[in-house]
Amino acid sequence: LEVIFMPDDEFEEFVQKIINEIKAGKMSVAHISKTLGLDPLFIRAVAKRSLKLNVKGQLLELAKDEEV
């Protein structure tokens, strides 16, 4: 619920942090959550809310341009 009611600017900060981790080659939810010090469930919730990220099992990936 925290992610649902989060202000857009704060939400975008988290999305950008996750995107930076993906670009650095860290695609698993577990690895990103360890690196950022956030709960894996929180990471997945942010990715599901964002149009820039896709969740595929335990991996996160950047959404393709045609999906956005």
C-alpha atoms as a PDB file:
ATOM      1  CA  LEU A   1       0.000   0.000   0.000  1.00  0.00           C
ATOM      2  CA  GLU A   2       2.937   2.300   0.608  1.00  0.00           C
ATOM      3  CA  VAL A   3       3.793   2.310  -3.104  1.00  0.00           C
ATOM      4  CA  ILE A   4       0.194   2.939  -4.189  1.00  0.00           C
ATOM      5  CA  PHE A   5      -0.144   6.133  -2.155  1.00  0.00           C
ATOM      6  CA  MET A   6       3.417   7.381  -2.690  1.00  0.00           C
ATOM      7  CA  PRO A   7       3.735  10.854  -4.315  1.00  0.00           C
ATOM      8  CA  ASP A   8       4.775  10.733  -7.972  1.00  0.00           C
ATOM      9  CA  ASP A   9       8.094  12.531  -7.487  1.00  0.00           C
ATOM     10  CA  GLU A  10       9.181  10.166  -4.702  1.00  0.00           C
ATOM     11  CA  PHE A  11       7.999   7.174  -6.771  1.00  0.00           C
ATOM     12  CA  GLU A  12      10.051   8.306  -9.780  1.00  0.00           C
ATOM     13  CA  GLU A  13      13.172   8.478  -7.585  1.00  0.00           C
ATOM     14  CA  PHE A  14      12.772   4.789  -6.727  1.00  0.00           C
ATOM     15  CA  VAL A  15      12.094   3.900 -10.369  1.00  0.00           C
ATOM     16  CA  GLN A  16      15.264   5.709 -11.434  1.00  0.00           C
ATOM     17  CA  LYS A  17      17.338   3.890  -8.789  1.00  0.00           C
ATOM     18  CA  ILE A  18      16.013   0.544 -10.035  1.00  0.00           C
ATOM     19  CA  ILE A  19      16.679   1.492 -13.672  1.00  0.00           C
ATOM     20  CA  ASN A  20      20.262   2.430 -12.771  1.00  0.00           C
ATOM     21  CA  GLU A  21      20.746  -0.994 -11.156  1.00  0.00           C
ATOM     22  CA  ILE A  22      19.328  -2.764 -14.229  1.00  0.00           C
ATOM     23  CA  LYS A  23      21.645  -0.790 -16.520  1.00  0.00           C
ATOM     24  CA  ALA A  24      24.551  -1.824 -14.254  1.00  0.00           C
ATOM     25  CA  GLY A  25      23.672  -5.465 -15.006  1.00  0.00           C
ATOM     26  CA  LYS A  26      21.748  -6.330 -11.837  1.00  0.00           C
ATOM     27  CA  MET A  27      18.382  -7.642 -12.960  1.00  0.00           C
ATOM     28  CA  SER A  28      17.206  -9.942 -10.143  1.00  0.00           C
ATOM     29  CA  VAL A  29      14.801  -8.593  -7.551  1.00  0.00           C
ATOM     30  CA  ALA A  30      16.876 -10.106  -4.725  1.00  0.00           C
ATOM     31  CA  HIS A  31      20.119  -8.493  -5.904  1.00  0.00           C
ATOM     32  CA  ILE A  32      18.524  -5.068  -6.428  1.00  0.00           C
ATOM     33  CA  SER A  33      16.844  -5.191  -3.022  1.00  0.00           C
ATOM     34  CA  LYS A  34      20.164  -6.019  -1.317  1.00  0.00           C
ATOM     35  CA  THR A  35      21.989  -3.251  -3.147  1.00  0.00           C
ATOM     36  CA  LEU A  36      19.353  -0.586  -2.455  1.00  0.00           C
ATOM     37  CA  GLY A  37      18.498  -1.846   1.039  1.00  0.00           C
ATOM     38  CA  LEU A  38      14.805  -2.176   0.219  1.00  0.00           C
ATOM     39  CA  ASP A  39      12.345  -5.027   0.692  1.00  0.00           C
ATOM     40  CA  PRO A  40      11.942  -7.306  -2.381  1.00  0.00           C
ATOM     41  CA  LEU A  41       8.160  -6.878  -2.184  1.00  0.00           C
ATOM     42  CA  PHE A  42       8.610  -3.091  -2.322  1.00  0.00           C
ATOM     43  CA  ILE A  43      10.867  -3.431  -5.411  1.00  0.00           C
ATOM     44  CA  ARG A  44       8.293  -5.621  -7.164  1.00  0.00           C
ATOM     45  CA  ALA A  45       5.456  -3.202  -6.282  1.00  0.00           C
ATOM     46  CA  VAL A  46       7.382  -0.244  -7.704  1.00  0.00           C
ATOM     47  CA  ALA A  47       8.145  -2.207 -10.885  1.00  0.00           C
ATOM     48  CA  LYS A  48       4.511  -3.227 -11.321  1.00  0.00           C
ATOM     49  CA  ARG A  49       3.268   0.348 -10.887  1.00  0.00           C
ATOM     50  CA  SER A  50       5.850   1.781 -13.277  1.00  0.00           C
ATOM     51  CA  LEU A  51       5.339   1.817 -17.034  1.00  0.00           C
ATOM     52  CA  LYS A  52       9.136   1.822 -17.496  1.00  0.00           C
ATOM     53  CA  LEU A  53       9.726  -1.596 -15.897  1.00  0.00           C
ATOM     54  CA  ASN A  54       8.521  -5.156 -16.488  1.00  0.00           C
ATOM     55  CA  VAL A  55       8.518  -7.975 -13.956  1.00  0.00           C
ATOM     56  CA  LYS A  56       9.306 -11.440 -15.311  1.00  0.00           C
ATOM     57  CA  GLY A  57       9.419 -13.918 -12.453  1.00  0.00           C
ATOM     58  CA  GLN A  58      12.348 -12.887 -10.249  1.00  0.00           C
ATOM     59  CA  LEU A  59      13.854 -10.619 -12.912  1.00  0.00           C
ATOM     60  CA  LEU A  60      13.190  -7.000 -13.761  1.00  0.00           C
ATOM     61  CA  GLU A  61      13.745  -5.517 -17.180  1.00  0.00           C
ATOM     62  CA  LEU A  62      13.265  -2.191 -18.889  1.00  0.00           C
ATOM     63  CA  ALA A  63      10.024  -1.878 -20.857  1.00  0.00           C
ATOM     64  CA  LYS A  64      10.417  -1.597 -24.588  1.00  0.00           C
ATOM     65  CA  ASP A  65       9.482   1.731 -26.183  1.00  0.00           C
ATOM     66  CA  GLU A  66       6.403   0.345 -27.917  1.00  0.00           C
ATOM     67  CA  GLU A  67       5.002  -0.885 -24.569  1.00  0.00           C
ATOM     68  CA  VAL A  68       5.218   2.581 -22.964  1.00  0.00           C
END
